[in-house]
N, C-alpha and C. Protein backbone atom coordinates (compact mmCIF):
# COMPACT_ATOMS: atom_id res chain seq x y z
N MET A 1 134.37 74.32 -190.24
CA MET A 1 134.23 74.34 -188.83
C MET A 1 133.27 73.39 -188.24
N ASN A 2 133.82 72.87 -187.22
CA ASN A 2 133.19 71.69 -186.46
C ASN A 2 131.69 72.02 -186.18
N GLU A 3 130.91 71.06 -186.41
CA GLU A 3 129.39 70.99 -186.11
C GLU A 3 129.05 71.34 -184.79
N ASN A 4 129.88 70.84 -183.71
CA ASN A 4 129.40 71.24 -182.35
C ASN A 4 129.69 72.49 -181.94
N ILE A 5 130.44 73.38 -182.81
CA ILE A 5 130.83 74.87 -182.59
C ILE A 5 129.81 75.57 -183.10
N LEU A 6 129.29 74.88 -184.28
CA LEU A 6 128.49 75.93 -185.11
C LEU A 6 127.22 75.91 -184.29
N ILE A 7 126.79 74.69 -183.69
CA ILE A 7 125.54 74.72 -183.02
C ILE A 7 125.41 75.64 -181.74
N GLN A 8 126.90 75.54 -181.28
CA GLN A 8 126.84 76.51 -179.89
C GLN A 8 126.95 78.00 -180.48
N LYS A 9 127.46 78.39 -181.61
CA LYS A 9 127.40 79.66 -182.08
C LYS A 9 125.75 80.17 -182.61
N LEU A 10 125.23 78.99 -183.11
CA LEU A 10 123.83 78.98 -183.58
C LEU A 10 122.83 79.45 -182.29
N GLN A 11 123.15 78.78 -181.13
CA GLN A 11 122.58 78.88 -179.95
C GLN A 11 122.75 80.36 -179.50
N ALA A 12 123.79 81.01 -179.76
CA ALA A 12 124.30 82.36 -179.12
C ALA A 12 123.37 83.19 -179.98
N GLY A 13 122.94 82.73 -181.19
CA GLY A 13 122.35 83.96 -182.12
C GLY A 13 123.05 84.12 -183.23
N SER A 14 124.18 83.40 -183.62
CA SER A 14 124.98 83.71 -184.93
C SER A 14 124.26 83.58 -186.20
N THR A 15 123.97 84.53 -187.01
CA THR A 15 123.59 84.29 -188.46
C THR A 15 124.58 83.57 -189.34
N GLY A 16 125.74 83.83 -188.92
CA GLY A 16 126.79 83.30 -189.88
C GLY A 16 126.80 81.75 -189.68
N ALA A 17 126.65 81.10 -188.54
CA ALA A 17 126.56 79.94 -188.14
C ALA A 17 125.45 79.40 -188.89
N LEU A 18 124.20 80.15 -188.86
CA LEU A 18 123.10 79.56 -189.47
C LEU A 18 123.48 79.43 -191.13
N GLU A 19 124.02 80.23 -191.59
CA GLU A 19 124.38 80.51 -193.04
C GLU A 19 125.51 79.24 -193.23
N THR A 20 126.24 78.99 -192.78
CA THR A 20 127.37 77.82 -192.79
C THR A 20 126.52 76.51 -192.81
N LEU A 21 125.63 76.49 -191.77
CA LEU A 21 124.61 75.00 -191.71
C LEU A 21 123.72 74.80 -192.75
N ILE A 22 123.37 75.94 -193.41
CA ILE A 22 122.53 76.01 -194.60
C ILE A 22 123.09 75.51 -195.58
N ARG A 23 124.36 76.46 -195.85
CA ARG A 23 125.14 75.72 -197.16
C ARG A 23 125.68 73.99 -196.76
N ARG A 24 125.84 73.79 -195.90
CA ARG A 24 126.31 72.31 -195.31
C ARG A 24 125.29 71.28 -195.88
N TYR A 25 124.08 71.80 -195.20
CA TYR A 25 122.81 70.72 -195.13
C TYR A 25 121.65 70.83 -196.15
N THR A 26 121.75 71.92 -197.07
CA THR A 26 120.64 72.32 -198.21
C THR A 26 120.60 70.77 -198.86
N PRO A 27 121.70 70.28 -199.43
CA PRO A 27 121.51 69.12 -200.44
C PRO A 27 120.87 68.19 -199.62
N TYR A 28 121.08 67.80 -198.46
CA TYR A 28 120.52 66.67 -197.68
C TYR A 28 119.26 66.97 -197.40
N VAL A 29 118.87 68.07 -196.76
CA VAL A 29 117.34 68.46 -196.52
C VAL A 29 116.69 68.33 -197.76
N SER A 30 116.98 68.79 -198.81
CA SER A 30 116.49 68.98 -200.13
C SER A 30 116.23 67.41 -200.57
N ALA A 31 117.02 66.52 -200.47
CA ALA A 31 116.87 64.90 -200.76
C ALA A 31 115.71 64.33 -199.80
N CYS A 32 115.79 64.82 -198.62
CA CYS A 32 114.80 64.33 -197.59
C CYS A 32 113.26 64.85 -197.94
N ALA A 33 113.26 65.84 -198.26
CA ALA A 33 111.90 66.67 -198.63
C ALA A 33 111.46 66.07 -199.89
N TYR A 34 112.31 65.87 -200.73
CA TYR A 34 111.99 65.30 -202.17
C TYR A 34 111.47 63.87 -202.28
N ARG A 35 112.02 63.10 -201.16
CA ARG A 35 111.40 61.77 -201.16
C ARG A 35 110.03 61.77 -200.76
N VAL A 36 109.62 62.64 -200.04
CA VAL A 36 108.07 62.81 -199.69
C VAL A 36 107.34 63.62 -200.75
N LEU A 37 107.90 64.43 -201.34
CA LEU A 37 107.19 65.49 -202.19
C LEU A 37 106.98 64.86 -203.74
N GLY A 38 108.20 64.20 -204.01
CA GLY A 38 108.06 63.75 -205.51
C GLY A 38 107.93 64.52 -206.33
N SER A 39 106.96 64.73 -207.25
CA SER A 39 106.62 65.41 -208.39
C SER A 39 105.66 66.56 -208.05
N LEU A 40 105.79 67.10 -206.98
CA LEU A 40 104.96 68.70 -206.51
C LEU A 40 106.11 69.63 -207.34
N PRO A 41 105.57 70.79 -207.47
CA PRO A 41 106.24 71.75 -208.12
C PRO A 41 107.47 72.03 -207.11
N ARG A 42 108.59 72.54 -207.82
CA ARG A 42 109.84 72.79 -207.09
C ARG A 42 109.60 73.70 -206.24
N GLU A 43 108.71 74.87 -206.39
CA GLU A 43 108.64 75.77 -205.45
C GLU A 43 108.08 75.13 -204.08
N GLU A 44 107.44 74.14 -203.98
CA GLU A 44 106.96 73.28 -202.81
C GLU A 44 108.29 72.74 -202.15
N LEU A 45 109.02 72.23 -202.59
CA LEU A 45 110.28 71.66 -202.10
C LEU A 45 111.31 72.66 -201.81
N GLU A 46 111.35 73.87 -202.36
CA GLU A 46 112.09 74.96 -201.90
C GLU A 46 111.58 75.58 -200.82
N GLU A 47 110.22 75.79 -200.69
CA GLU A 47 109.41 76.19 -199.31
C GLU A 47 109.76 75.27 -198.36
N THR A 48 109.73 74.09 -198.49
CA THR A 48 110.04 72.90 -197.45
C THR A 48 111.28 72.95 -196.91
N VAL A 49 112.28 73.37 -197.88
CA VAL A 49 113.77 73.34 -197.33
C VAL A 49 113.97 74.66 -196.47
N ALA A 50 113.36 75.79 -196.78
CA ALA A 50 113.33 77.01 -195.99
C ALA A 50 112.95 76.94 -194.90
N ASP A 51 111.54 76.04 -194.86
CA ASP A 51 110.83 75.96 -193.53
C ASP A 51 111.58 75.07 -192.74
N THR A 52 112.57 74.12 -193.03
CA THR A 52 113.24 73.38 -192.30
C THR A 52 114.63 74.27 -191.52
N PHE A 53 114.90 75.17 -192.35
CA PHE A 53 115.97 76.10 -191.71
C PHE A 53 115.27 76.88 -190.76
N VAL A 54 114.30 77.49 -190.96
CA VAL A 54 113.43 78.33 -190.16
C VAL A 54 113.17 77.50 -188.79
N GLU A 55 112.87 76.31 -188.79
CA GLU A 55 112.72 75.56 -187.63
C GLU A 55 114.16 75.41 -186.84
N LEU A 56 115.16 75.13 -187.60
CA LEU A 56 116.50 75.08 -186.99
C LEU A 56 116.66 76.64 -186.27
N TRP A 57 116.59 77.40 -186.81
CA TRP A 57 116.92 78.86 -186.08
C TRP A 57 116.00 78.86 -184.86
N ARG A 58 114.66 78.59 -185.09
CA ARG A 58 113.75 78.67 -184.13
C ARG A 58 114.20 77.72 -182.59
N HIS A 59 114.39 76.75 -182.79
CA HIS A 59 114.85 75.61 -181.96
C HIS A 59 116.15 75.37 -181.84
N ALA A 60 116.96 76.41 -181.91
CA ALA A 60 118.58 75.95 -181.70
C ALA A 60 118.62 75.86 -180.52
N GLY A 61 118.17 76.75 -179.44
CA GLY A 61 118.38 76.43 -177.85
C GLY A 61 118.06 75.17 -177.45
N GLU A 62 117.29 74.15 -178.30
CA GLU A 62 116.79 72.89 -177.92
C GLU A 62 117.83 71.85 -178.17
N LEU A 63 118.87 72.16 -179.23
CA LEU A 63 119.82 71.28 -179.78
C LEU A 63 120.75 70.91 -178.82
N ASP A 64 121.07 69.74 -178.81
CA ASP A 64 122.44 69.07 -177.92
C ASP A 64 123.43 69.29 -179.04
N PRO A 65 124.62 70.22 -178.80
CA PRO A 65 125.76 70.00 -179.65
C PRO A 65 126.68 69.12 -179.84
N GLU A 66 126.43 68.12 -178.71
CA GLU A 66 127.19 66.76 -178.82
C GLU A 66 126.48 65.61 -179.68
N ARG A 67 125.26 66.12 -180.25
CA ARG A 67 124.63 65.12 -180.87
C ARG A 67 124.62 65.57 -182.36
N PRO A 68 124.76 64.49 -183.42
CA PRO A 68 124.71 65.03 -184.96
C PRO A 68 123.40 65.78 -185.02
N LEU A 69 123.53 66.84 -186.21
CA LEU A 69 122.48 67.57 -186.66
C LEU A 69 121.79 66.95 -187.78
N ARG A 70 122.20 66.11 -188.48
CA ARG A 70 121.81 65.48 -189.75
C ARG A 70 120.48 64.87 -189.35
N PRO A 71 120.37 63.95 -188.57
CA PRO A 71 119.08 63.34 -187.97
C PRO A 71 118.17 64.30 -187.69
N TRP A 72 118.55 65.16 -186.98
CA TRP A 72 117.46 66.22 -186.59
C TRP A 72 116.82 66.81 -187.71
N LEU A 73 117.64 67.31 -188.85
CA LEU A 73 117.34 67.98 -189.93
C LEU A 73 116.37 67.11 -190.82
N GLY A 74 116.78 65.97 -191.10
CA GLY A 74 116.16 64.91 -191.59
C GLY A 74 114.88 64.67 -191.46
N THR A 75 114.54 64.58 -190.07
CA THR A 75 113.35 64.48 -189.44
C THR A 75 112.44 65.63 -189.81
N VAL A 76 112.82 66.95 -189.13
CA VAL A 76 111.96 67.94 -189.55
C VAL A 76 111.78 68.19 -190.86
N ALA A 77 112.54 67.80 -192.10
CA ALA A 77 112.20 68.20 -193.47
C ALA A 77 111.30 67.15 -193.91
N SER A 78 111.38 65.94 -193.29
CA SER A 78 110.27 65.02 -193.69
C SER A 78 109.00 65.19 -193.06
N ASN A 79 108.85 65.72 -192.15
CA ASN A 79 107.65 65.95 -191.29
C ASN A 79 107.00 67.46 -191.94
N LYS A 80 107.91 68.26 -192.41
CA LYS A 80 107.47 69.62 -193.06
C LYS A 80 106.72 69.23 -194.37
N ALA A 81 107.65 68.32 -195.05
CA ALA A 81 107.15 67.84 -196.40
C ALA A 81 105.78 67.02 -196.42
N LYS A 82 105.52 66.27 -195.34
CA LYS A 82 104.33 65.54 -195.06
C LYS A 82 103.11 66.19 -194.93
N ASN A 83 103.62 67.36 -194.07
CA ASN A 83 102.37 68.57 -193.89
C ASN A 83 102.14 69.12 -195.10
N ARG A 84 103.01 69.71 -195.87
CA ARG A 84 102.97 70.26 -197.21
C ARG A 84 102.31 69.34 -198.09
N LEU A 85 102.62 68.15 -198.21
CA LEU A 85 102.03 67.30 -199.44
C LEU A 85 100.24 67.21 -198.83
N ARG A 86 100.19 66.90 -197.42
CA ARG A 86 98.82 66.99 -196.93
C ARG A 86 97.89 68.24 -197.36
N ALA A 87 98.57 69.22 -197.32
CA ALA A 87 98.06 70.47 -197.64
C ALA A 87 97.63 70.97 -198.92
N TYR A 88 98.68 70.61 -199.71
CA TYR A 88 98.85 70.64 -201.27
C TYR A 88 97.19 70.22 -202.00
N ALA A 89 96.75 71.15 -202.49
CA ALA A 89 95.54 71.04 -203.46
C ALA A 89 95.60 72.50 -204.21
N PRO A 90 95.08 72.11 -205.48
CA PRO A 90 94.82 73.22 -206.37
C PRO A 90 93.98 74.09 -205.68
N ALA A 91 94.03 75.21 -205.92
CA ALA A 91 93.17 76.29 -205.20
C ALA A 91 91.71 76.59 -206.22
N ALA A 92 91.90 76.50 -207.28
CA ALA A 92 90.69 76.52 -208.25
C ALA A 92 90.13 75.36 -208.63
N ALA A 93 88.94 75.53 -208.81
CA ALA A 93 87.88 74.10 -209.47
C ALA A 93 88.67 73.88 -210.79
N ILE A 94 88.61 72.49 -211.19
CA ILE A 94 88.98 72.28 -212.52
C ILE A 94 87.81 72.78 -213.38
N PRO A 95 88.28 73.30 -214.64
CA PRO A 95 87.28 73.55 -215.53
C PRO A 95 87.05 72.58 -216.58
N GLU A 96 85.85 72.73 -216.96
CA GLU A 96 85.40 71.34 -218.02
C GLU A 96 86.32 71.20 -219.21
N ASP A 97 86.98 72.17 -219.63
CA ASP A 97 87.85 72.05 -220.74
C ASP A 97 89.10 71.66 -220.41
N ALA A 98 89.35 71.31 -219.25
CA ALA A 98 90.83 70.86 -218.81
C ALA A 98 91.34 69.97 -219.31
N PRO A 99 92.86 69.53 -219.58
CA PRO A 99 93.14 68.30 -220.12
C PRO A 99 92.99 67.14 -219.25
N ALA A 100 92.96 65.85 -219.71
CA ALA A 100 92.78 64.69 -219.34
C ALA A 100 93.64 64.48 -217.68
N PRO A 101 93.18 63.98 -216.80
CA PRO A 101 93.92 64.00 -215.43
C PRO A 101 95.35 63.14 -215.99
N VAL A 102 96.26 63.43 -214.96
CA VAL A 102 97.66 62.92 -215.02
C VAL A 102 97.65 61.30 -215.13
N ASP A 103 98.35 60.66 -215.91
CA ASP A 103 98.38 59.04 -215.90
C ASP A 103 99.29 58.66 -214.36
N ILE A 104 98.64 58.28 -213.63
CA ILE A 104 98.96 57.78 -212.23
C ILE A 104 100.00 56.95 -212.60
N GLN A 105 99.92 55.83 -213.31
CA GLN A 105 101.14 54.82 -213.43
C GLN A 105 102.23 55.53 -213.91
N ARG A 106 102.14 56.50 -214.75
CA ARG A 106 103.44 57.28 -215.35
C ARG A 106 103.96 58.32 -214.19
N GLN A 107 103.21 58.69 -213.35
CA GLN A 107 103.43 59.52 -212.04
C GLN A 107 104.13 58.77 -211.22
N THR A 108 103.81 57.38 -211.08
CA THR A 108 104.35 56.41 -209.99
C THR A 108 105.70 56.17 -210.24
N GLU A 109 105.80 55.84 -211.66
CA GLU A 109 107.17 55.42 -212.41
C GLU A 109 108.04 56.33 -212.03
N GLU A 110 107.79 57.65 -212.66
CA GLU A 110 108.66 58.75 -212.24
C GLU A 110 109.05 58.97 -210.84
N ARG A 111 108.21 58.96 -209.89
CA ARG A 111 108.38 58.92 -208.55
C ARG A 111 109.45 57.74 -208.12
N GLU A 112 109.34 56.58 -208.68
CA GLU A 112 110.22 55.60 -208.28
C GLU A 112 111.59 55.75 -208.87
N ARG A 113 111.63 56.32 -210.12
CA ARG A 113 112.80 56.39 -210.72
C ARG A 113 113.69 57.68 -209.77
N GLY A 114 112.89 58.67 -209.46
CA GLY A 114 113.38 59.81 -208.93
C GLY A 114 113.97 59.27 -207.33
N ALA A 115 113.28 58.38 -206.80
CA ALA A 115 113.66 58.06 -205.41
C ALA A 115 114.88 57.06 -205.73
N ALA A 116 114.89 56.28 -206.66
CA ALA A 116 116.04 55.52 -206.86
C ALA A 116 117.18 56.44 -207.18
N LEU A 117 117.10 57.43 -207.97
CA LEU A 117 118.31 58.31 -207.98
C LEU A 117 118.68 58.88 -206.97
N TRP A 118 117.63 59.46 -205.91
CA TRP A 118 118.13 59.96 -204.68
C TRP A 118 118.84 59.18 -203.84
N GLN A 119 118.39 57.97 -203.81
CA GLN A 119 118.96 56.77 -202.92
C GLN A 119 120.31 56.44 -203.41
N ALA A 120 120.61 56.24 -204.69
CA ALA A 120 121.95 56.23 -205.03
C ALA A 120 122.57 57.47 -204.88
N VAL A 121 122.39 58.55 -205.05
CA VAL A 121 123.14 59.86 -204.75
C VAL A 121 123.36 59.93 -203.20
N ASP A 122 122.56 59.64 -202.61
CA ASP A 122 122.63 59.53 -200.78
C ASP A 122 123.63 58.40 -200.57
N ALA A 123 123.91 57.24 -201.40
CA ALA A 123 124.85 56.34 -200.99
C ALA A 123 126.30 56.70 -201.53
N LEU A 124 126.23 57.66 -202.19
CA LEU A 124 127.75 58.43 -202.36
C LEU A 124 128.46 58.87 -201.19
N GLY A 125 129.38 58.59 -200.99
CA GLY A 125 130.73 58.97 -199.90
C GLY A 125 130.52 60.69 -199.88
N GLU A 126 130.95 61.03 -198.78
CA GLU A 126 131.52 62.59 -198.97
C GLU A 126 132.89 62.75 -199.40
N PRO A 127 133.35 63.81 -199.98
CA PRO A 127 132.48 64.74 -200.27
C PRO A 127 131.85 64.60 -201.80
N GLU A 128 131.82 63.53 -202.13
CA GLU A 128 131.00 63.46 -203.37
C GLU A 128 129.51 63.65 -203.52
N ARG A 129 128.99 63.36 -202.48
CA ARG A 129 127.33 63.50 -202.44
C ARG A 129 127.28 64.91 -202.34
N THR A 130 128.16 65.75 -201.49
CA THR A 130 127.67 67.07 -201.51
C THR A 130 128.09 67.78 -202.83
N LEU A 131 129.22 67.55 -203.38
CA LEU A 131 129.43 67.76 -204.81
C LEU A 131 128.47 67.69 -205.85
N PHE A 132 128.04 66.40 -205.87
CA PHE A 132 126.86 66.14 -206.91
C PHE A 132 125.49 66.84 -206.64
N LEU A 133 125.39 66.86 -205.48
CA LEU A 133 124.10 67.43 -205.11
C LEU A 133 124.14 69.18 -205.25
N ARG A 134 125.18 69.68 -204.92
CA ARG A 134 125.32 71.12 -204.88
C ARG A 134 125.38 71.58 -206.46
N TYR A 135 126.28 70.78 -207.15
CA TYR A 135 126.36 71.14 -208.46
C TYR A 135 125.43 70.53 -209.59
N TYR A 136 124.63 69.59 -209.45
CA TYR A 136 123.46 69.03 -210.28
C TYR A 136 122.32 69.44 -209.86
N TYR A 137 121.84 69.34 -208.62
CA TYR A 137 120.53 69.62 -207.97
C TYR A 137 120.47 71.28 -207.55
N GLU A 138 121.29 71.78 -207.14
CA GLU A 138 121.33 73.14 -206.78
C GLU A 138 121.85 74.12 -207.69
N GLY A 139 122.34 73.76 -208.68
CA GLY A 139 123.03 74.34 -209.96
C GLY A 139 124.00 75.36 -209.59
N GLU A 140 124.93 75.04 -208.48
CA GLU A 140 125.87 76.04 -208.25
C GLU A 140 127.11 75.95 -209.13
N LYS A 141 128.00 76.76 -209.29
CA LYS A 141 129.05 76.71 -210.27
C LYS A 141 129.99 75.77 -209.70
N LEU A 142 130.51 74.89 -210.56
CA LEU A 142 131.56 73.90 -210.22
C LEU A 142 132.78 74.67 -209.34
N LYS A 143 133.23 75.53 -209.79
CA LYS A 143 134.29 76.29 -209.27
C LYS A 143 134.06 76.63 -207.79
N THR A 144 132.67 77.23 -207.63
CA THR A 144 132.34 77.66 -206.25
C THR A 144 132.31 76.36 -205.18
N VAL A 145 131.58 75.34 -205.72
CA VAL A 145 131.47 74.27 -205.08
C VAL A 145 132.84 73.64 -204.50
N ALA A 146 133.69 73.49 -205.69
CA ALA A 146 135.01 72.79 -205.36
C ALA A 146 135.86 73.59 -204.38
N ALA A 147 135.60 75.15 -204.48
CA ALA A 147 136.52 75.84 -203.33
C ALA A 147 135.89 75.75 -202.06
N ASP A 148 134.50 75.76 -202.01
CA ASP A 148 133.97 75.47 -200.59
C ASP A 148 134.31 74.20 -200.04
N LEU A 149 134.45 73.27 -200.95
CA LEU A 149 134.81 71.74 -200.49
C LEU A 149 136.54 71.81 -200.38
N GLU A 150 136.93 72.71 -200.81
CA GLU A 150 138.51 72.75 -200.53
C GLU A 150 139.20 71.64 -201.18
N MET A 151 138.77 71.72 -202.71
CA MET A 151 139.45 70.59 -203.74
C MET A 151 139.77 71.69 -205.09
N ASN A 152 140.57 71.19 -205.68
CA ASN A 152 140.84 71.92 -206.92
C ASN A 152 139.75 71.33 -207.90
N LEU A 153 139.55 72.39 -209.09
CA LEU A 153 138.49 72.09 -209.98
C LEU A 153 138.66 70.91 -210.73
N SER A 154 140.09 70.48 -211.12
CA SER A 154 140.14 69.39 -211.99
C SER A 154 139.66 68.06 -211.11
N THR A 155 140.21 67.88 -209.75
CA THR A 155 139.56 67.05 -208.79
C THR A 155 138.09 66.92 -208.75
N ALA A 156 137.63 68.13 -208.72
CA ALA A 156 136.07 68.11 -208.69
C ALA A 156 135.51 67.32 -210.02
N LYS A 157 135.89 67.83 -211.12
CA LYS A 157 135.58 67.29 -212.56
C LYS A 157 135.61 65.87 -212.63
N THR A 158 136.87 65.24 -212.05
CA THR A 158 136.98 64.02 -211.92
C THR A 158 136.06 63.14 -211.01
N LYS A 159 135.79 63.71 -209.91
CA LYS A 159 135.00 63.17 -208.97
C LYS A 159 133.29 63.14 -209.48
N LEU A 160 133.10 64.16 -210.18
CA LEU A 160 131.76 64.33 -210.90
C LEU A 160 131.37 63.18 -211.90
N ARG A 161 132.64 62.89 -212.97
CA ARG A 161 132.40 62.07 -213.90
C ARG A 161 132.61 60.46 -213.32
N ARG A 162 133.42 60.23 -212.33
CA ARG A 162 133.21 58.75 -211.48
C ARG A 162 131.85 58.95 -210.87
N GLY A 163 131.38 59.89 -210.06
CA GLY A 163 129.96 59.63 -209.72
C GLY A 163 129.02 59.24 -210.55
N ARG A 164 129.02 59.98 -211.67
CA ARG A 164 127.99 59.67 -212.66
C ARG A 164 128.08 58.08 -213.15
N LEU A 165 129.34 57.70 -213.47
CA LEU A 165 129.42 56.37 -213.79
C LEU A 165 128.91 55.31 -212.67
N LEU A 166 129.25 55.69 -211.39
CA LEU A 166 128.72 54.82 -210.32
C LEU A 166 127.18 55.07 -210.12
N LEU A 167 126.66 56.18 -210.58
CA LEU A 167 125.17 56.14 -210.43
C LEU A 167 124.59 55.44 -211.51
N ARG A 168 125.01 55.43 -212.78
CA ARG A 168 124.82 54.88 -214.04
C ARG A 168 124.82 53.38 -213.64
N GLU A 169 125.90 52.76 -212.99
CA GLU A 169 125.80 51.32 -212.83
C GLU A 169 124.72 50.88 -211.84
N GLN A 170 124.88 51.75 -210.57
CA GLN A 170 123.75 51.41 -209.75
C GLN A 170 122.32 51.22 -210.04
N LEU A 171 121.98 52.34 -211.07
CA LEU A 171 120.58 52.61 -211.59
C LEU A 171 120.21 51.69 -212.60
N GLN A 172 121.28 51.16 -213.38
CA GLN A 172 120.85 50.28 -214.32
C GLN A 172 120.76 48.91 -213.91
N GLY A 173 121.15 48.44 -212.72
CA GLY A 173 120.82 47.27 -211.98
C GLY A 173 119.39 47.29 -211.46
N LYS A 174 118.67 48.32 -211.30
CA LYS A 174 117.43 48.42 -210.65
C LYS A 174 116.45 48.27 -211.96
N GLU A 175 115.44 47.32 -211.52
CA GLU A 175 114.22 47.05 -212.33
C GLU A 175 113.56 48.61 -212.74
N GLY A 176 113.18 48.62 -213.89
CA GLY A 176 112.07 49.66 -214.34
C GLY A 176 113.01 51.18 -214.44
N VAL A 177 114.26 50.91 -214.20
CA VAL A 177 114.85 52.45 -214.04
C VAL A 177 115.78 52.75 -215.60
N GLU A 178 115.60 53.60 -216.28
CA GLU A 178 116.19 53.97 -217.39
C GLU A 178 116.96 54.88 -217.45
N LEU A 179 118.11 55.05 -218.04
CA LEU A 179 119.02 56.05 -218.08
C LEU A 179 119.17 56.58 -219.53
N GLY A 180 118.90 57.92 -219.78
CA GLY A 180 118.87 58.55 -221.12
C GLY A 180 120.15 58.56 -221.68
């Protein structure tokens, strides 16, 4: 369904339109939030994504159906993630027998590898990007993702294989990025 129509239906209070937009944009919103949150627990990322779509529902009346929704969602997701990152702090004091602090250099390298991977995935064209994110990141069944994208299962498998090869080529050229 056309995004303009979905936004108009959302503005009219359609939860079906909201569900469609959530399915369509969750991979993108997740990628935007991950870029900010990095190695925080997955629950923080999931909460940020959920908060982004709550904001979409709350501010539906302010949206312009003639403007693309993707930039708006990306901005909201990034801002929500920044707020969550600022507020994130362990609630309890660190006990004396706690293990040594995390190696900051290792954590930085992991974050850079993750950012390089997200950048490479984000550079994939559609429908490959959505297929890749929903299958690998969201953990959806390939059969379901392929059906939603109106492609047969063998085509989806081929696109995933080609996408993996393309990502491998792109990431091997980046300094400090190793693939297993």
